[in-house]
């Protein structure tokens, strides 16, 4: 769990994600080894990942903000819709199975991985974010899907911003801060919906596992600035490829569990 936290922290700072892309698959595998009921493994992994994302996103966002790599205008305009999207994700998660959550994780991660590796992310849809009544649909969807996957939303926020002419380093930093908007309501929601479930393992606070949180969080927060430093030292294309490879790896692992 300490090593998982370190890796997730580096990835959080490097890619603008909350680290859940690593935490969720690893936690799910550990819970399986420990004999936790398959019906709740993904809920626990997702909830714990989202809780870890809160301090990790703060650490990562602060590091990127020091390098002036956060678009505060996007943060202000997207935050309300991302928040309500996260609430919608909690409502959905309360009535679906662990296999469904694993399937969502695998499918979305695979699509995004192909997008980043195949260089589709460099295709611009416009010089700036569109100003239309449909604009809220994008951040709302990011909030909902991220809550179901247990991630900070960077895997969708970064591509969404880059296709509208935001430099990838700015997109990564902005995504890190928006991850906080997703993680706080989503983590609280998973605690509430899992409250009182007597089938959950020891150390459970709703669906949040306190043992996993306590072990993963310190190293995740410690290593997030390291990832941010690396992000500003490598090229845009290499950053995109790394992003895609991590997503593809997680997709294959979770797809095996779901299907």
C-alpha atoms as a PDB file:
ATOM      1  CA  UNK A   1       0.000   0.000   0.000  1.00  0.00           C
ATOM      2  CA  UNK A   2       2.912   2.356   0.699  1.00  0.00           C
ATOM      3  CA  UNK A   3       4.388   1.598  -2.730  1.00  0.00           C
ATOM      4  CA  UNK A   4       0.970   1.999  -4.339  1.00  0.00           C
ATOM      5  CA  UNK A   5       0.697   5.427  -2.737  1.00  0.00           C
ATOM      6  CA  UNK A   6       4.110   6.462  -4.038  1.00  0.00           C
ATOM      7  CA  UNK A   7       3.312   5.381  -7.602  1.00  0.00           C
ATOM      8  CA  UNK A   8      -0.140   6.968  -7.526  1.00  0.00           C
ATOM      9  CA  UNK A   9       1.344  10.217  -6.207  1.00  0.00           C
ATOM     10  CA  UNK A  10       3.879  10.421  -9.013  1.00  0.00           C
ATOM     11  CA  UNK A  11       1.173   9.704 -11.586  1.00  0.00           C
ATOM     12  CA  UNK A  12      -1.111  12.301  -9.991  1.00  0.00           C
ATOM     13  CA  UNK A  13       1.508  15.012 -10.365  1.00  0.00           C
ATOM     14  CA  UNK A  14       2.701  13.774 -13.760  1.00  0.00           C
ATOM     15  CA  UNK A  15      -0.648  13.316 -15.484  1.00  0.00           C
ATOM     16  CA  UNK A  16      -3.055  15.500 -13.522  1.00  0.00           C
ATOM     17  CA  UNK A  17      -5.076  12.500 -12.368  1.00  0.00           C
ATOM     18  CA  UNK A  18      -5.872  11.688  -8.759  1.00  0.00           C
ATOM     19  CA  UNK A  19      -3.881   8.459  -8.725  1.00  0.00           C
ATOM     20  CA  UNK A  20      -7.012   6.310  -8.758  1.00  0.00           C
ATOM     21  CA  UNK A  21      -5.929   4.794 -12.040  1.00  0.00           C
ATOM     22  CA  UNK A  22      -3.401   2.835  -9.929  1.00  0.00           C
ATOM     23  CA  UNK A  23      -5.130   2.685  -6.566  1.00  0.00           C
ATOM     24  CA  UNK A  24      -8.426   1.141  -7.711  1.00  0.00           C
ATOM     25  CA  UNK A  25      -6.977  -1.925  -9.515  1.00  0.00           C
ATOM     26  CA  UNK A  26      -4.418  -2.615  -6.777  1.00  0.00           C
ATOM     27  CA  UNK A  27      -6.911  -2.273  -3.937  1.00  0.00           C
ATOM     28  CA  UNK A  28      -9.408  -4.469  -5.741  1.00  0.00           C
ATOM     29  CA  UNK A  29      -6.741  -7.158  -6.162  1.00  0.00           C
ATOM     30  CA  UNK A  30      -5.688  -6.954  -2.490  1.00  0.00           C
ATOM     31  CA  UNK A  31      -9.292  -7.174  -1.314  1.00  0.00           C
ATOM     32  CA  UNK A  32      -9.760 -10.262  -3.488  1.00  0.00           C
ATOM     33  CA  UNK A  33      -6.716 -11.910  -1.867  1.00  0.00           C
ATOM     34  CA  UNK A  34      -8.139 -11.069   1.565  1.00  0.00           C
ATOM     35  CA  UNK A  35     -11.393 -12.792   0.667  1.00  0.00           C
ATOM     36  CA  UNK A  36     -13.645  -9.748   0.674  1.00  0.00           C
ATOM     37  CA  UNK A  37     -17.052 -10.329  -0.936  1.00  0.00           C
ATOM     38  CA  UNK A  38     -16.899  -9.616  -4.686  1.00  0.00           C
ATOM     39  CA  UNK A  39     -20.127  -7.637  -4.424  1.00  0.00           C
ATOM     40  CA  UNK A  40     -18.357  -4.905  -2.430  1.00  0.00           C
ATOM     41  CA  UNK A  41     -14.700  -5.016  -3.540  1.00  0.00           C
ATOM     42  CA  UNK A  42     -15.036  -2.379  -6.268  1.00  0.00           C
ATOM     43  CA  UNK A  43     -17.143  -0.107  -4.068  1.00  0.00           C
ATOM     44  CA  UNK A  44     -14.468  -0.235  -1.357  1.00  0.00           C
ATOM     45  CA  UNK A  45     -11.618   0.288  -3.828  1.00  0.00           C
ATOM     46  CA  UNK A  46     -13.378   3.218  -5.504  1.00  0.00           C
ATOM     47  CA  UNK A  47     -14.348   4.874  -2.213  1.00  0.00           C
ATOM     48  CA  UNK A  48     -10.860   4.539  -0.722  1.00  0.00           C
ATOM     49  CA  UNK A  49      -9.265   5.818  -3.917  1.00  0.00           C
ATOM     50  CA  UNK A  50     -11.484   8.896  -3.931  1.00  0.00           C
ATOM     51  CA  UNK A  51     -10.596   9.646  -0.309  1.00  0.00           C
ATOM     52  CA  UNK A  52      -6.881   9.408  -1.097  1.00  0.00           C
ATOM     53  CA  UNK A  53      -7.387  11.713  -4.079  1.00  0.00           C
ATOM     54  CA  UNK A  54      -8.427  14.582  -1.780  1.00  0.00           C
ATOM     55  CA  UNK A  55      -5.010  15.257  -0.185  1.00  0.00           C
ATOM     56  CA  UNK A  56      -3.170  14.083  -3.304  1.00  0.00           C
ATOM     57  CA  UNK A  57      -5.029  16.557  -5.528  1.00  0.00           C
ATOM     58  CA  UNK A  58      -4.242  19.361  -3.109  1.00  0.00           C
ATOM     59  CA  UNK A  59      -0.535  18.477  -3.148  1.00  0.00           C
ATOM     60  CA  UNK A  60      -0.441  18.114  -6.933  1.00  0.00           C
ATOM     61  CA  UNK A  61      -2.478  21.270  -7.624  1.00  0.00           C
ATOM     62  CA  UNK A  62      -0.292  23.390  -5.332  1.00  0.00           C
ATOM     63  CA  UNK A  63       2.833  22.140  -7.135  1.00  0.00           C
ATOM     64  CA  UNK A  64       1.355  22.949 -10.560  1.00  0.00           C
ATOM     65  CA  UNK A  65      -0.005  26.314  -9.425  1.00  0.00           C
ATOM     66  CA  UNK A  66       3.488  27.357  -8.372  1.00  0.00           C
ATOM     67  CA  UNK A  67       4.465  26.838 -12.001  1.00  0.00           C
ATOM     68  CA  UNK A  68       1.417  28.860 -13.156  1.00  0.00           C
ATOM     69  CA  UNK A  69      -0.070  25.751 -14.763  1.00  0.00           C
ATOM     70  CA  UNK A  70      -3.675  26.003 -13.522  1.00  0.00           C
ATOM     71  CA  UNK A  71      -6.439  27.629 -15.590  1.00  0.00           C
ATOM     72  CA  UNK A  72      -8.528  29.154 -12.820  1.00  0.00           C
ATOM     73  CA  UNK A  73     -11.176  30.331 -15.289  1.00  0.00           C
ATOM     74  CA  UNK A  74     -11.927  26.732 -16.275  1.00  0.00           C
ATOM     75  CA  UNK A  75     -11.916  25.691 -12.619  1.00  0.00           C
ATOM     76  CA  UNK A  76     -14.516  28.334 -11.743  1.00  0.00           C
ATOM     77  CA  UNK A  77     -16.817  27.596 -14.684  1.00  0.00           C
ATOM     78  CA  UNK A  78     -16.613  23.783 -14.521  1.00  0.00           C
ATOM     79  CA  UNK A  79     -16.647  23.181 -10.764  1.00  0.00           C
ATOM     80  CA  UNK A  80     -20.444  23.430 -10.172  1.00  0.00           C
ATOM     81  CA  UNK A  81     -21.233  20.981 -12.978  1.00  0.00           C
ATOM     82  CA  UNK A  82     -18.484  18.570 -11.940  1.00  0.00           C
ATOM     83  CA  UNK A  83     -19.801  18.655  -8.366  1.00  0.00           C
ATOM     84  CA  UNK A  84     -23.348  17.743  -9.395  1.00  0.00           C
ATOM     85  CA  UNK A  85     -21.962  15.097 -11.730  1.00  0.00           C
ATOM     86  CA  UNK A  86     -20.179  13.521  -8.758  1.00  0.00           C
ATOM     87  CA  UNK A  87     -23.446  13.503  -6.806  1.00  0.00           C
ATOM     88  CA  UNK A  88     -25.155  11.773  -9.739  1.00  0.00           C
ATOM     89  CA  UNK A  89     -22.371   9.181  -9.784  1.00  0.00           C
ATOM     90  CA  UNK A  90     -22.994   8.365  -6.132  1.00  0.00           C
ATOM     91  CA  UNK A  91     -26.694   7.864  -6.762  1.00  0.00           C
ATOM     92  CA  UNK A  92     -25.904   5.442  -9.600  1.00  0.00           C
ATOM     93  CA  UNK A  93     -23.220   3.549  -7.656  1.00  0.00           C
ATOM     94  CA  UNK A  94     -25.629   2.831  -4.806  1.00  0.00           C
ATOM     95  CA  UNK A  95     -27.747   0.634  -7.071  1.00  0.00           C
ATOM     96  CA  UNK A  96     -25.198  -1.157  -9.297  1.00  0.00           C
ATOM     97  CA  UNK A  97     -22.892  -4.149  -8.818  1.00  0.00           C
ATOM     98  CA  UNK A  98     -19.137  -4.243  -8.411  1.00  0.00           C
ATOM     99  CA  UNK A  99     -18.819  -5.840 -11.856  1.00  0.00           C
ATOM    100  CA  UNK A 100     -20.668  -2.889 -13.360  1.00  0.00           C
ATOM    101  CA  UNK A 101     -18.193  -0.471 -11.759  1.00  0.00           C
ATOM    102  CA  UNK A 102     -15.282  -2.560 -13.030  1.00  0.00           C
ATOM    103  CA  UNK A 103     -16.826  -2.561 -16.496  1.00  0.00           C
ATOM    104  CA  UNK A 104     -17.206   1.219 -16.497  1.00  0.00           C
ATOM    105  CA  UNK A 105     -13.590   1.588 -15.390  1.00  0.00           C
ATOM    106  CA  UNK A 106     -12.270  -0.794 -18.079  1.00  0.00           C
ATOM    107  CA  UNK A 107     -14.332   0.604 -20.957  1.00  0.00           C
ATOM    108  CA  UNK A 108     -13.690   4.298 -20.377  1.00  0.00           C
ATOM    109  CA  UNK A 109     -10.004   3.738 -19.631  1.00  0.00           C
ATOM    110  CA  UNK A 110      -9.551   1.763 -22.876  1.00  0.00           C
ATOM    111  CA  UNK A 111     -11.201   4.472 -24.998  1.00  0.00           C
ATOM    112  CA  UNK A 112      -9.112   7.204 -23.427  1.00  0.00           C
ATOM    113  CA  UNK A 113      -5.904   5.160 -23.707  1.00  0.00           C
ATOM    114  CA  UNK A 114      -6.387   4.641 -27.449  1.00  0.00           C
ATOM    115  CA  UNK A 115      -7.093   8.343 -27.849  1.00  0.00           C
ATOM    116  CA  UNK A 116      -3.862   9.402 -26.161  1.00  0.00           C
ATOM    117  CA  UNK A 117      -1.556   6.748 -27.661  1.00  0.00           C
ATOM    118  CA  UNK A 118      -2.897   7.156 -31.207  1.00  0.00           C
ATOM    119  CA  UNK A 119      -2.287  10.897 -31.071  1.00  0.00           C
ATOM    120  CA  UNK A 120      -5.947  11.794 -31.542  1.00  0.00           C
ATOM    121  CA  UNK A 121      -5.558  14.177 -28.600  1.00  0.00           C
ATOM    122  CA  UNK A 122      -3.583  16.589 -30.797  1.00  0.00           C
ATOM    123  CA  UNK A 123      -6.578  17.210 -33.052  1.00  0.00           C
ATOM    124  CA  UNK A 124      -8.131  20.532 -32.168  1.00  0.00           C
ATOM    125  CA  UNK A 125     -11.897  21.039 -32.112  1.00  0.00           C
ATOM    126  CA  UNK A 126     -11.543  24.759 -31.526  1.00  0.00           C
ATOM    127  CA  UNK A 127      -9.326  27.550 -30.275  1.00  0.00           C
ATOM    128  CA  UNK A 128     -11.267  27.836 -27.026  1.00  0.00           C
ATOM    129  CA  UNK A 129     -13.918  26.006 -25.032  1.00  0.00           C
ATOM    130  CA  UNK A 130     -17.341  26.260 -26.718  1.00  0.00           C
ATOM    131  CA  UNK A 131     -19.885  28.734 -25.385  1.00  0.00           C
ATOM    132  CA  UNK A 132     -23.164  26.881 -25.759  1.00  0.00           C
ATOM    133  CA  UNK A 133     -26.031  25.542 -23.643  1.00  0.00           C
ATOM    134  CA  UNK A 134     -24.506  22.058 -24.023  1.00  0.00           C
ATOM    135  CA  UNK A 135     -21.198  23.042 -22.394  1.00  0.00           C
ATOM    136  CA  UNK A 136     -22.262  21.853 -18.879  1.00  0.00           C
ATOM    137  CA  UNK A 137     -22.748  18.326 -20.252  1.00  0.00           C
ATOM    138  CA  UNK A 138     -18.980  17.787 -20.500  1.00  0.00           C
ATOM    139  CA  UNK A 139     -17.950  18.596 -16.898  1.00  0.00           C
ATOM    140  CA  UNK A 140     -21.128  16.950 -15.554  1.00  0.00           C
ATOM    141  CA  UNK A 141     -20.247  13.745 -17.403  1.00  0.00           C
ATOM    142  CA  UNK A 142     -16.656  13.902 -16.168  1.00  0.00           C
ATOM    143  CA  UNK A 143     -17.877  14.183 -12.583  1.00  0.00           C
ATOM    144  CA  UNK A 144     -20.304  11.280 -12.955  1.00  0.00           C
ATOM    145  CA  UNK A 145     -17.969   8.841 -14.705  1.00  0.00           C
ATOM    146  CA  UNK A 146     -15.010   9.703 -12.453  1.00  0.00           C
ATOM    147  CA  UNK A 147     -17.099   8.938  -9.373  1.00  0.00           C
ATOM    148  CA  UNK A 148     -18.019   5.535 -10.791  1.00  0.00           C
ATOM    149  CA  UNK A 149     -14.353   4.833 -11.641  1.00  0.00           C
ATOM    150  CA  UNK A 150     -12.792   6.173  -8.442  1.00  0.00           C
ATOM    151  CA  UNK A 151     -10.493   8.596 -10.241  1.00  0.00           C
ATOM    152  CA  UNK A 152      -9.887  12.322 -10.137  1.00  0.00           C
ATOM    153  CA  UNK A 153     -11.180  12.931 -13.642  1.00  0.00           C
ATOM    154  CA  UNK A 154      -7.840  13.762 -15.227  1.00  0.00           C
ATOM    155  CA  UNK A 155      -8.144  10.946 -17.742  1.00  0.00           C
ATOM    156  CA  UNK A 156     -11.076  12.832 -19.256  1.00  0.00           C
ATOM    157  CA  UNK A 157     -10.373  16.426 -18.259  1.00  0.00           C
ATOM    158  CA  UNK A 158      -6.898  16.509 -19.821  1.00  0.00           C
ATOM    159  CA  UNK A 159      -8.004  15.319 -23.299  1.00  0.00           C
ATOM    160  CA  UNK A 160     -11.099  17.544 -23.137  1.00  0.00           C
ATOM    161  CA  UNK A 161      -8.971  20.626 -22.493  1.00  0.00           C
ATOM    162  CA  UNK A 162      -6.225  19.799 -24.989  1.00  0.00           C
ATOM    163  CA  UNK A 163      -8.654  19.417 -27.914  1.00  0.00           C
ATOM    164  CA  UNK A 164      -9.779  22.967 -27.178  1.00  0.00           C
ATOM    165  CA  UNK A 165      -6.292  24.394 -27.472  1.00  0.00           C
ATOM    166  CA  UNK A 166      -5.128  24.211 -23.856  1.00  0.00           C
ATOM    167  CA  UNK A 167      -1.429  23.203 -23.585  1.00  0.00           C
ATOM    168  CA  UNK A 168      -1.139  19.781 -21.985  1.00  0.00           C
ATOM    169  CA  UNK A 169       0.884  21.050 -19.018  1.00  0.00           C
ATOM    170  CA  UNK A 170      -1.845  23.619 -18.280  1.00  0.00           C
ATOM    171  CA  UNK A 171      -4.504  20.925 -18.752  1.00  0.00           C
ATOM    172  CA  UNK A 172      -2.708  18.620 -16.313  1.00  0.00           C
ATOM    173  CA  UNK A 173      -2.466  21.297 -13.623  1.00  0.00           C
ATOM    174  CA  UNK A 174      -6.098  22.344 -14.061  1.00  0.00           C
ATOM    175  CA  UNK A 175      -7.215  18.719 -13.893  1.00  0.00           C
ATOM    176  CA  UNK A 176      -5.356  18.244 -10.612  1.00  0.00           C
ATOM    177  CA  UNK A 177      -7.409  20.984  -8.961  1.00  0.00           C
ATOM    178  CA  UNK A 178     -10.708  19.814 -10.473  1.00  0.00           C
ATOM    179  CA  UNK A 179      -9.987  16.353  -9.053  1.00  0.00           C
ATOM    180  CA  UNK A 180     -10.609  17.843  -5.627  1.00  0.00           C
ATOM    181  CA  UNK A 181     -14.092  18.974  -6.695  1.00  0.00           C
ATOM    182  CA  UNK A 182     -14.888  15.386  -7.679  1.00  0.00           C
ATOM    183  CA  UNK A 183     -13.257  13.590  -4.766  1.00  0.00           C
ATOM    184  CA  UNK A 184     -14.780  15.450  -1.812  1.00  0.00           C
ATOM    185  CA  UNK A 185     -18.506  14.906  -2.527  1.00  0.00           C
ATOM    186  CA  UNK A 186     -17.867  11.458  -4.028  1.00  0.00           C
ATOM    187  CA  UNK A 187     -15.918  10.169  -1.021  1.00  0.00           C
ATOM    188  CA  UNK A 188     -18.567  11.467   1.366  1.00  0.00           C
ATOM    189  CA  UNK A 189     -21.248   9.836  -0.752  1.00  0.00           C
ATOM    190  CA  UNK A 190     -19.574   6.418  -0.657  1.00  0.00           C
ATOM    191  CA  UNK A 191     -19.225   6.675   3.121  1.00  0.00           C
ATOM    192  CA  UNK A 192     -22.945   7.412   3.458  1.00  0.00           C
ATOM    193  CA  UNK A 193     -24.160   4.714   1.048  1.00  0.00           C
ATOM    194  CA  UNK A 194     -21.972   2.052   2.664  1.00  0.00           C
ATOM    195  CA  UNK A 195     -22.814   3.007   6.238  1.00  0.00           C
ATOM    196  CA  UNK A 196     -24.088   0.165   8.414  1.00  0.00           C
ATOM    197  CA  UNK A 197     -23.154  -2.631   5.985  1.00  0.00           C
ATOM    198  CA  UNK A 198     -22.072  -5.485   8.299  1.00  0.00           C
ATOM    199  CA  UNK A 199     -20.509  -7.478   5.434  1.00  0.00           C
ATOM    200  CA  UNK A 200     -17.691  -4.983   4.912  1.00  0.00           C
ATOM    201  CA  UNK A 201     -14.166  -5.816   6.204  1.00  0.00           C
ATOM    202  CA  UNK A 202     -12.574  -4.460   9.379  1.00  0.00           C
ATOM    203  CA  UNK A 203     -11.540  -0.827   9.249  1.00  0.00           C
ATOM    204  CA  UNK A 204     -14.496   0.192   7.090  1.00  0.00           C
ATOM    205  CA  UNK A 205     -16.003   3.660   7.385  1.00  0.00           C
ATOM    206  CA  UNK A 206     -18.919   3.191   5.040  1.00  0.00           C
ATOM    207  CA  UNK A 207     -17.249   1.923   1.880  1.00  0.00           C
ATOM    208  CA  UNK A 208     -14.051   3.797   2.768  1.00  0.00           C
ATOM    209  CA  UNK A 209     -11.357   1.466   4.135  1.00  0.00           C
ATOM    210  CA  UNK A 210      -9.379   3.341   6.774  1.00  0.00           C
ATOM    211  CA  UNK A 211      -6.394   0.959   6.690  1.00  0.00           C
ATOM    212  CA  UNK A 212      -5.910   1.454   2.964  1.00  0.00           C
ATOM    213  CA  UNK A 213      -6.410   5.202   3.278  1.00  0.00           C
ATOM    214  CA  UNK A 214      -3.897   5.521   6.136  1.00  0.00           C
ATOM    215  CA  UNK A 215      -1.191   3.576   4.277  1.00  0.00           C
ATOM    216  CA  UNK A 216      -1.629   4.981   0.771  1.00  0.00           C
ATOM    217  CA  UNK A 217      -2.175   8.673   1.555  1.00  0.00           C
ATOM    218  CA  UNK A 218       1.210   9.685   3.104  1.00  0.00           C
ATOM    219  CA  UNK A 219       3.369   8.445   0.235  1.00  0.00           C
ATOM    220  CA  UNK A 220       0.844   9.615  -2.356  1.00  0.00           C
ATOM    221  CA  UNK A 221       0.953  13.184  -1.040  1.00  0.00           C
ATOM    222  CA  UNK A 222       4.739  13.054  -0.642  1.00  0.00           C
ATOM    223  CA  UNK A 223       5.379  11.953  -4.222  1.00  0.00           C
ATOM    224  CA  UNK A 224       2.789  14.124  -6.052  1.00  0.00           C
ATOM    225  CA  UNK A 225       5.200  17.120  -6.344  1.00  0.00           C
ATOM    226  CA  UNK A 226       7.794  14.734  -7.793  1.00  0.00           C
ATOM    227  CA  UNK A 227       5.395  13.868 -10.594  1.00  0.00           C
ATOM    228  CA  UNK A 228       4.646  17.559 -11.205  1.00  0.00           C
ATOM    229  CA  UNK A 229       8.364  18.247 -11.536  1.00  0.00           C
ATOM    230  CA  UNK A 230       8.779  15.405 -14.020  1.00  0.00           C
ATOM    231  CA  UNK A 231       5.783  16.651 -16.041  1.00  0.00           C
ATOM    232  CA  UNK A 232       7.505  19.959 -16.699  1.00  0.00           C
ATOM    233  CA  UNK A 233      10.758  18.281 -17.713  1.00  0.00           C
ATOM    234  CA  UNK A 234       9.458  16.052 -20.518  1.00  0.00           C
ATOM    235  CA  UNK A 235       7.863  16.725 -23.894  1.00  0.00           C
ATOM    236  CA  UNK A 236       4.150  16.969 -24.601  1.00  0.00           C
ATOM    237  CA  UNK A 237       4.160  13.846 -26.794  1.00  0.00           C
ATOM    238  CA  UNK A 238       5.947  11.702 -24.215  1.00  0.00           C
ATOM    239  CA  UNK A 239       3.515  12.888 -21.572  1.00  0.00           C
ATOM    240  CA  UNK A 240       0.573  11.866 -23.777  1.00  0.00           C
ATOM    241  CA  UNK A 241       2.032   8.415 -24.452  1.00  0.00           C
ATOM    242  CA  UNK A 242       2.700   7.813 -20.751  1.00  0.00           C
ATOM    243  CA  UNK A 243      -0.851   8.838 -19.996  1.00  0.00           C
ATOM    244  CA  UNK A 244      -2.221   6.372 -22.543  1.00  0.00           C
ATOM    245  CA  UNK A 245      -0.048   3.451 -21.433  1.00  0.00           C
ATOM    246  CA  UNK A 246      -1.108   3.783 -17.815  1.00  0.00           C
ATOM    247  CA  UNK A 247      -4.750   3.926 -18.819  1.00  0.00           C
ATOM    248  CA  UNK A 248      -4.427   0.886 -21.080  1.00  0.00           C
ATOM    249  CA  UNK A 249      -2.771  -1.174 -18.345  1.00  0.00           C
ATOM    250  CA  UNK A 250      -5.524  -0.356 -15.871  1.00  0.00           C
ATOM    251  CA  UNK A 251      -8.206  -1.073 -18.466  1.00  0.00           C
ATOM    252  CA  UNK A 252      -6.904  -4.565 -19.201  1.00  0.00           C
ATOM    253  CA  UNK A 253      -6.736  -5.449 -15.504  1.00  0.00           C
ATOM    254  CA  UNK A 254     -10.209  -4.218 -14.671  1.00  0.00           C
ATOM    255  CA  UNK A 255     -11.721  -5.583 -17.878  1.00  0.00           C
ATOM    256  CA  UNK A 256     -10.579  -9.049 -16.862  1.00  0.00           C
ATOM    257  CA  UNK A 257     -12.405  -8.650 -13.555  1.00  0.00           C
ATOM    258  CA  UNK A 258     -15.602  -7.369 -15.167  1.00  0.00           C
ATOM    259  CA  UNK A 259     -15.969  -9.598 -18.201  1.00  0.00           C
END
